[in-house]
Every structure is written in structure tokens, then in C-alpha cells.
Amino acid sequence: MTTRMLLARHGHATSGPDHRWDASDPLTETGLAQAAELGAALAARATRPDRIVASPAVRAQQTARACADALGLELETDARLMEFGSGALSPFTLSEMLELAPYDDIWHPDDAAWDGETIGSFWTRTGEAAEALWRAGGHPLVVSHVGTIQGLLRWAMGIAPDSPDAFALLVDNASLTDVVVRVDRHGRRRAEVHRLGATDHLSTVTAI
């Protein structure tokens, strides 16, 4: 069984240094343009996604909707794809996040974000989402967040949810990461990351 997952981060949704993250944040004008460009690039592919699954966060839903419209697909939502710490309004502004780096205090699986969820629980739920996507097969487009993409890649690489952080990852807005997960002739699951955070389909690249 082979599943080719396209992991897309949502478009730009952060407005200024005083912005605080929330699951209801919409895309900015730049983010809407990025979402449209992402959808157009996917529609132009020889092998197009056959399914779209997105985080329930507004910024992910708007990005996924632009792709669904371009591809003529229904949009599915999976709550397990929500970003870490999204269960409450961030206590940090964008400038404070960049200056204070509060996520540096979250490394061990028992460490929790401001909404109470531990990073170990986050890796567990994103891993469960990845497992479900793989078992469903096909060529899904998964629209989510930086942390969620890291969780999906941890699953692909076989990193246990109760293991401390193994790597840091920042992919740009509306970028694409291409992961192929298959079972080889010996029955072993193998994961290959073909592209990480590609942005060649975008006219404007943003990171935050």
C-alpha cells in the first residue's frame, strides 16, 4: 500500500507585531492570494490530490477551501490536525513570541502549552491523524500548521509520541511538503520525504 501525502501549511494569517494567535484568525489579503496560488498549482499537476483534509482552524479552512474549489473536491475536517496550543488565545504577541521564544520551554512530552495540552498528547493526536490518512490510501492534501506538519513527519519517521523533540521545523506559509509512505515487499512501512516546504508556486513568500 502506498499513500502520497501533500502537507500544506495555511496561508499568511498574522497581522502585525501585536497579533496574538487564535484558531479564529482569518487569512490576510496576502494569505488569500497564497491560497489561490496553491490551489492553481495543485490543479496544474499531472497527478492531483484526490482528497482534501484540513485543520478546523479558520486559516487552514480558508486555504483548503481555495484548493478544494480549484480541484473540484469536497473539503474534510479533522480536529486532530489543529495546531499545538490552539485551545486558548496565545498569551504572547508575535513580537513576544519572537523575542521570548516560549516554545523553548516545551521539549519533554509532559511539557504543556498555555491551553494545557502536553506536547506528548499533541504528537499522539497528530500521529493518529497521520495513521488514518495513510490507511485511507490515495493522494491526500493535508492543510494544517507548522507544528502539525512536524507531528505528521515525526509519525512518518517512526518517532514515538513520548520521545522528546527530535527536530525543529519552520515551513513557509502555503508551502508544500511531499511525503510518500509505503509498505515494501517485506511488509515494512517506509517513509520518504520528497520535498520539504516548497514555495516555487508562490509569488509572495512569508514565514510567520
C-alpha atoms as a PDB file:
ATOM      1  CA  MET A   1       0.000   0.000   0.000  1.00  0.00           C
ATOM      2  CA  THR A   2       1.335   3.428  -0.970  1.00  0.00           C
ATOM      3  CA  THR A   3      -0.024   6.783   0.163  1.00  0.00           C
ATOM      4  CA  ARG A   4       1.380  10.057  -1.144  1.00  0.00           C
ATOM      5  CA  MET A   5       0.586  12.868   1.260  1.00  0.00           C
ATOM      6  CA  LEU A   6       0.935  16.517   0.307  1.00  0.00           C
ATOM      7  CA  LEU A   7       1.296  18.541   3.506  1.00  0.00           C
ATOM      8  CA  ALA A   8       0.389  22.210   3.044  1.00  0.00           C
ATOM      9  CA  ARG A   9       0.729  24.941   5.621  1.00  0.00           C
ATOM     10  CA  HIS A  10      -2.064  27.548   5.677  1.00  0.00           C
ATOM     11  CA  GLY A  11      -1.584  30.921   4.030  1.00  0.00           C
ATOM     12  CA  HIS A  12      -0.433  34.079   5.814  1.00  0.00           C
ATOM     13  CA  ALA A  13      -2.719  34.961   8.725  1.00  0.00           C
ATOM     14  CA  THR A  14      -0.688  37.119  11.090  1.00  0.00           C
ATOM     15  CA  SER A  15      -1.290  40.869  11.262  1.00  0.00           C
ATOM     16  CA  GLY A  16       1.469  42.900  12.884  1.00  0.00           C
ATOM     17  CA  PRO A  17       3.735  42.613  15.963  1.00  0.00           C
ATOM     18  CA  ASP A  18       0.838  42.960  18.444  1.00  0.00           C
ATOM     19  CA  HIS A  19      -1.045  39.980  16.984  1.00  0.00           C
ATOM     20  CA  ARG A  20      -1.979  37.081  19.293  1.00  0.00           C
ATOM     21  CA  TRP A  21      -2.720  33.694  17.739  1.00  0.00           C
ATOM     22  CA  ASP A  22      -6.222  32.273  17.876  1.00  0.00           C
ATOM     23  CA  ALA A  23      -7.987  29.475  15.991  1.00  0.00           C
ATOM     24  CA  SER A  24     -10.438  32.030  14.568  1.00  0.00           C
ATOM     25  CA  ASP A  25      -7.714  34.066  12.810  1.00  0.00           C
ATOM     26  CA  PRO A  26      -8.593  34.540   9.111  1.00  0.00           C
ATOM     27  CA  LEU A  27      -6.146  34.796   6.234  1.00  0.00           C
ATOM     28  CA  THR A  28      -4.787  38.212   5.340  1.00  0.00           C
ATOM     29  CA  GLU A  29      -5.021  39.518   1.765  1.00  0.00           C
ATOM     30  CA  THR A  30      -1.574  38.036   1.188  1.00  0.00           C
ATOM     31  CA  GLY A  31      -2.738  34.721   2.636  1.00  0.00           C
ATOM     32  CA  LEU A  32      -5.802  34.626   0.379  1.00  0.00           C
ATOM     33  CA  ALA A  33      -3.582  35.213  -2.651  1.00  0.00           C
ATOM     34  CA  GLN A  34      -1.229  32.460  -1.499  1.00  0.00           C
ATOM     35  CA  ALA A  35      -4.148  30.058  -1.056  1.00  0.00           C
ATOM     36  CA  ALA A  36      -5.347  30.784  -4.590  1.00  0.00           C
ATOM     37  CA  GLU A  37      -1.859  30.227  -5.999  1.00  0.00           C
ATOM     38  CA  LEU A  38      -1.536  26.977  -4.051  1.00  0.00           C
ATOM     39  CA  GLY A  39      -4.841  25.723  -5.459  1.00  0.00           C
ATOM     40  CA  ALA A  40      -3.888  26.686  -9.008  1.00  0.00           C
ATOM     41  CA  ALA A  41      -0.525  24.922  -8.715  1.00  0.00           C
ATOM     42  CA  LEU A  42      -2.154  21.740  -7.431  1.00  0.00           C
ATOM     43  CA  ALA A  43      -4.777  21.811 -10.197  1.00  0.00           C
ATOM     44  CA  ALA A  44      -1.995  22.082 -12.806  1.00  0.00           C
ATOM     45  CA  ARG A  45      -0.227  18.951 -11.595  1.00  0.00           C
ATOM     46  CA  ALA A  46      -0.230  15.803 -13.694  1.00  0.00           C
ATOM     47  CA  THR A  47      -1.074  13.836 -10.538  1.00  0.00           C
ATOM     48  CA  ARG A  48      -3.581  15.799  -8.495  1.00  0.00           C
ATOM     49  CA  PRO A  49      -4.708  15.197  -4.915  1.00  0.00           C
ATOM     50  CA  ASP A  50      -7.832  13.046  -4.685  1.00  0.00           C
ATOM     51  CA  ARG A  51      -8.872  14.207  -1.218  1.00  0.00           C
ATOM     52  CA  ILE A  52      -8.506  17.309   0.980  1.00  0.00           C
ATOM     53  CA  VAL A  53      -8.375  17.138   4.770  1.00  0.00           C
ATOM     54  CA  ALA A  54      -7.859  20.262   6.878  1.00  0.00           C
ATOM     55  CA  SER A  55      -7.493  21.522  10.409  1.00  0.00           C
ATOM     56  CA  PRO A  56     -10.640  23.213  11.760  1.00  0.00           C
ATOM     57  CA  ALA A  57      -8.753  26.500  12.308  1.00  0.00           C
ATOM     58  CA  VAL A  58     -10.183  29.270  10.116  1.00  0.00           C
ATOM     59  CA  ARG A  59      -6.855  29.996   8.395  1.00  0.00           C
ATOM     60  CA  ALA A  60      -6.486  26.330   7.418  1.00  0.00           C
ATOM     61  CA  GLN A  61     -10.114  26.064   6.305  1.00  0.00           C
ATOM     62  CA  GLN A  62      -9.809  29.111   4.042  1.00  0.00           C
ATOM     63  CA  THR A  63      -6.607  27.782   2.490  1.00  0.00           C
ATOM     64  CA  ALA A  64      -8.122  24.327   1.990  1.00  0.00           C
ATOM     65  CA  ARG A  65     -11.329  25.804   0.525  1.00  0.00           C
ATOM     66  CA  ALA A  66      -9.351  27.614  -2.187  1.00  0.00           C
ATOM     67  CA  CYS A  67      -7.657  24.310  -3.041  1.00  0.00           C
ATOM     68  CA  ALA A  68     -10.953  22.392  -2.966  1.00  0.00           C
ATOM     69  CA  ASP A  69     -12.526  24.881  -5.370  1.00  0.00           C
ATOM     70  CA  ALA A  70      -9.551  24.637  -7.745  1.00  0.00           C
ATOM     71  CA  LEU A  71      -9.543  20.831  -7.652  1.00  0.00           C
ATOM     72  CA  GLY A  72     -13.286  20.238  -7.567  1.00  0.00           C
ATOM     73  CA  LEU A  73     -13.057  18.220  -4.352  1.00  0.00           C
ATOM     74  CA  GLU A  74     -15.043  18.129  -1.118  1.00  0.00           C
ATOM     75  CA  LEU A  75     -13.357  19.516   1.989  1.00  0.00           C
ATOM     76  CA  GLU A  76     -12.996  17.236   5.010  1.00  0.00           C
ATOM     77  CA  THR A  77     -12.089  18.441   8.505  1.00  0.00           C
ATOM     78  CA  ASP A  78     -10.083  16.554  11.123  1.00  0.00           C
ATOM     79  CA  ALA A  79      -9.798  18.169  14.568  1.00  0.00           C
ATOM     80  CA  ARG A  80      -6.617  16.173  15.228  1.00  0.00           C
ATOM     81  CA  LEU A  81      -4.826  18.474  12.758  1.00  0.00           C
ATOM     82  CA  MET A  82      -5.288  21.584  14.936  1.00  0.00           C
ATOM     83  CA  GLU A  83      -2.080  23.398  15.897  1.00  0.00           C
ATOM     84  CA  PHE A  84      -0.463  22.875  19.310  1.00  0.00           C
ATOM     85  CA  GLY A  85      -1.626  25.465  21.845  1.00  0.00           C
ATOM     86  CA  SER A  86      -4.700  26.434  19.814  1.00  0.00           C
ATOM     87  CA  GLY A  87      -7.197  25.610  22.557  1.00  0.00           C
ATOM     88  CA  ALA A  88      -6.735  29.079  24.056  1.00  0.00           C
ATOM     89  CA  LEU A  89      -5.741  32.566  22.911  1.00  0.00           C
ATOM     90  CA  SER A  90      -1.952  32.908  22.898  1.00  0.00           C
ATOM     91  CA  PRO A  91      -0.718  34.935  25.887  1.00  0.00           C
ATOM     92  CA  PHE A  92       2.140  36.164  23.699  1.00  0.00           C
ATOM     93  CA  THR A  93       2.071  38.711  20.895  1.00  0.00           C
ATOM     94  CA  LEU A  94       4.009  37.977  17.724  1.00  0.00           C
ATOM     95  CA  SER A  95       6.887  40.191  18.854  1.00  0.00           C
ATOM     96  CA  GLU A  96       6.961  38.470  22.259  1.00  0.00           C
ATOM     97  CA  MET A  97       6.942  35.047  20.603  1.00  0.00           C
ATOM     98  CA  LEU A  98       9.992  36.001  18.551  1.00  0.00           C
ATOM     99  CA  GLU A  99      11.799  37.675  21.463  1.00  0.00           C
ATOM    100  CA  LEU A 100      10.973  35.325  24.338  1.00  0.00           C
ATOM    101  CA  ALA A 101      10.805  32.028  22.363  1.00  0.00           C
ATOM    102  CA  PRO A 102       8.348  30.462  24.865  1.00  0.00           C
ATOM    103  CA  TYR A 103       8.315  27.157  22.969  1.00  0.00           C
ATOM    104  CA  ASP A 104      11.925  26.656  24.111  1.00  0.00           C
ATOM    105  CA  ASP A 105      10.354  25.629  27.437  1.00  0.00           C
ATOM    106  CA  ILE A 106       8.416  22.825  25.720  1.00  0.00           C
ATOM    107  CA  TRP A 107      10.600  19.824  24.895  1.00  0.00           C
ATOM    108  CA  HIS A 108       9.698  16.856  27.128  1.00  0.00           C
ATOM    109  CA  PRO A 109       6.412  15.013  26.339  1.00  0.00           C
ATOM    110  CA  ASP A 110       4.929  16.160  29.669  1.00  0.00           C
ATOM    111  CA  ASP A 111       5.527  19.869  28.938  1.00  0.00           C
ATOM    112  CA  ALA A 112       2.280  21.763  28.282  1.00  0.00           C
ATOM    113  CA  ALA A 113       1.238  24.786  26.241  1.00  0.00           C
ATOM    114  CA  TRP A 114      -0.929  27.606  27.656  1.00  0.00           C
ATOM    115  CA  ASP A 115      -4.124  25.665  26.849  1.00  0.00           C
ATOM    116  CA  GLY A 116      -2.985  22.704  28.981  1.00  0.00           C
ATOM    117  CA  GLU A 117      -2.283  20.208  26.196  1.00  0.00           C
ATOM    118  CA  THR A 118       1.081  18.465  26.566  1.00  0.00           C
ATOM    119  CA  ILE A 119       3.425  18.135  23.625  1.00  0.00           C
ATOM    120  CA  GLY A 120       3.286  14.352  24.043  1.00  0.00           C
ATOM    121  CA  SER A 121      -0.503  14.423  23.649  1.00  0.00           C
ATOM    122  CA  PHE A 122      -0.095  16.628  20.584  1.00  0.00           C
ATOM    123  CA  TRP A 123       2.326  14.150  18.987  1.00  0.00           C
ATOM    124  CA  THR A 124      -0.143  11.368  19.789  1.00  0.00           C
ATOM    125  CA  ARG A 125      -3.129  13.044  18.125  1.00  0.00           C
ATOM    126  CA  THR A 126      -1.189  14.160  15.052  1.00  0.00           C
ATOM    127  CA  GLY A 127       0.233  10.651  14.777  1.00  0.00           C
ATOM    128  CA  GLU A 128      -3.284   9.205  14.920  1.00  0.00           C
ATOM    129  CA  ALA A 129      -4.343  11.580  12.141  1.00  0.00           C
ATOM    130  CA  ALA A 130      -1.349  10.521  10.024  1.00  0.00           C
ATOM    131  CA  GLU A 131      -2.096   6.836  10.585  1.00  0.00           C
ATOM    132  CA  ALA A 132      -5.694   7.343   9.460  1.00  0.00           C
ATOM    133  CA  LEU A 133      -4.590   9.244   6.355  1.00  0.00           C
ATOM    134  CA  TRP A 134      -2.103   6.531   5.438  1.00  0.00           C
ATOM    135  CA  ARG A 135      -4.583   3.700   5.923  1.00  0.00           C
ATOM    136  CA  ALA A 136      -7.166   5.506   3.775  1.00  0.00           C
ATOM    137  CA  GLY A 137      -4.623   5.475   0.931  1.00  0.00           C
ATOM    138  CA  GLY A 138      -4.658   7.595  -2.182  1.00  0.00           C
ATOM    139  CA  HIS A 139      -3.132  11.039  -2.638  1.00  0.00           C
ATOM    140  CA  PRO A 140      -4.499  13.363   0.079  1.00  0.00           C
ATOM    141  CA  LEU A 141      -3.765  17.063   0.500  1.00  0.00           C
ATOM    142  CA  VAL A 142      -3.486  17.838   4.211  1.00  0.00           C
ATOM    143  CA  VAL A 143      -3.810  21.521   5.126  1.00  0.00           C
ATOM    144  CA  SER A 144      -2.662  22.398   8.635  1.00  0.00           C
ATOM    145  CA  HIS A 145       0.071  24.179  10.579  1.00  0.00           C
ATOM    146  CA  VAL A 146       3.824  24.226  11.270  1.00  0.00           C
ATOM    147  CA  GLY A 147       3.556  22.162  14.456  1.00  0.00           C
ATOM    148  CA  THR A 148       1.078  19.746  12.920  1.00  0.00           C
ATOM    149  CA  ILE A 149       3.338  19.147   9.915  1.00  0.00           C
ATOM    150  CA  GLN A 150       6.166  18.422  12.342  1.00  0.00           C
ATOM    151  CA  GLY A 151       3.905  15.902  14.088  1.00  0.00           C
ATOM    152  CA  LEU A 152       2.998  14.213  10.807  1.00  0.00           C
ATOM    153  CA  LEU A 153       6.682  13.974   9.883  1.00  0.00           C
ATOM    154  CA  ARG A 154       7.535  12.532  13.316  1.00  0.00           C
ATOM    155  CA  TRP A 155       4.963   9.800  12.646  1.00  0.00           C
ATOM    156  CA  ALA A 156       6.436   9.149   9.200  1.00  0.00           C
ATOM    157  CA  MET A 157       9.916   8.819  10.676  1.00  0.00           C
ATOM    158  CA  GLY A 158       8.740   6.487  13.421  1.00  0.00           C
ATOM    159  CA  ILE A 159       9.476   8.851  16.340  1.00  0.00           C
ATOM    160  CA  ALA A 160       7.399   7.792  19.346  1.00  0.00           C
ATOM    161  CA  PRO A 161       4.983  10.356  20.878  1.00  0.00           C
ATOM    162  CA  ASP A 162       6.699  10.006  24.261  1.00  0.00           C
ATOM    163  CA  SER A 163      10.116  10.880  22.801  1.00  0.00           C
ATOM    164  CA  PRO A 164      11.408  14.440  23.328  1.00  0.00           C
ATOM    165  CA  ASP A 165      11.514  16.864  20.426  1.00  0.00           C
ATOM    166  CA  ALA A 166      13.854  15.494  17.749  1.00  0.00           C
ATOM    167  CA  PHE A 167      13.962  18.459  15.370  1.00  0.00           C
ATOM    168  CA  ALA A 168      12.674  21.999  14.868  1.00  0.00           C
ATOM    169  CA  LEU A 169      10.787  22.892  11.727  1.00  0.00           C
ATOM    170  CA  LEU A 170       9.560  26.139  10.197  1.00  0.00           C
ATOM    171  CA  VAL A 171       7.984  25.842   6.770  1.00  0.00           C
ATOM    172  CA  ASP A 172       6.661  28.906   4.977  1.00  0.00           C
ATOM    173  CA  ASN A 173       3.002  29.834   4.533  1.00  0.00           C
ATOM    174  CA  ALA A 174       1.190  27.888   1.772  1.00  0.00           C
ATOM    175  CA  SER A 175       4.269  25.711   1.250  1.00  0.00           C
ATOM    176  CA  LEU A 176       4.107  22.063   0.182  1.00  0.00           C
ATOM    177  CA  THR A 177       5.836  19.070   1.727  1.00  0.00           C
ATOM    178  CA  ASP A 178       5.624  15.804  -0.201  1.00  0.00           C
ATOM    179  CA  VAL A 179       5.704  12.539   1.791  1.00  0.00           C
ATOM    180  CA  VAL A 180       5.372   9.036   0.360  1.00  0.00           C
ATOM    181  CA  VAL A 181       4.551   6.239   2.809  1.00  0.00           C
ATOM    182  CA  ARG A 182       4.517   2.680   1.522  1.00  0.00           C
ATOM    183  CA  VAL A 183       4.863  -0.940   2.568  1.00  0.00           C
ATOM    184  CA  ASP A 184       7.810  -2.715   0.948  1.00  0.00           C
ATOM    185  CA  ARG A 185       7.942  -6.331  -0.210  1.00  0.00           C
ATOM    186  CA  HIS A 186       8.976  -7.436   3.294  1.00  0.00           C
ATOM    187  CA  GLY A 187       5.938  -5.817   4.883  1.00  0.00           C
ATOM    188  CA  ARG A 188       7.879  -2.905   6.391  1.00  0.00           C
ATOM    189  CA  ARG A 189       6.467   0.608   6.421  1.00  0.00           C
ATOM    190  CA  ARG A 190       8.821   3.058   4.756  1.00  0.00           C
ATOM    191  CA  ALA A 191       8.504   6.830   4.580  1.00  0.00           C
ATOM    192  CA  GLU A 192      10.249   9.136   2.114  1.00  0.00           C
ATOM    193  CA  VAL A 193      10.198  12.947   2.243  1.00  0.00           C
ATOM    194  CA  HIS A 194      10.475  14.005  -1.389  1.00  0.00           C
ATOM    195  CA  ARG A 195      10.148  17.785  -0.913  1.00  0.00           C
ATOM    196  CA  LEU A 196      10.114  19.894   2.230  1.00  0.00           C
ATOM    197  CA  GLY A 197       8.430  23.291   2.380  1.00  0.00           C
ATOM    198  CA  ALA A 198       8.426  24.024  -1.372  1.00  0.00           C
ATOM    199  CA  THR A 199       7.277  27.558  -2.298  1.00  0.00           C
ATOM    200  CA  ASP A 200       8.090  27.776  -6.019  1.00  0.00           C
ATOM    201  CA  HIS A 201       4.351  28.155  -6.778  1.00  0.00           C
ATOM    202  CA  LEU A 202       4.080  31.395  -4.757  1.00  0.00           C
ATOM    203  CA  SER A 203       4.669  34.969  -5.892  1.00  0.00           C
ATOM    204  CA  THR A 204       4.994  36.162  -2.268  1.00  0.00           C
ATOM    205  CA  VAL A 205       6.712  34.003   0.373  1.00  0.00           C
ATOM    206  CA  THR A 206       6.052  34.605   4.082  1.00  0.00           C
ATOM    207  CA  ALA A 207       7.235  32.634   7.104  1.00  0.00           C
ATOM    208  CA  ILE A 208       5.123  33.812  10.064  1.00  0.00           C
END
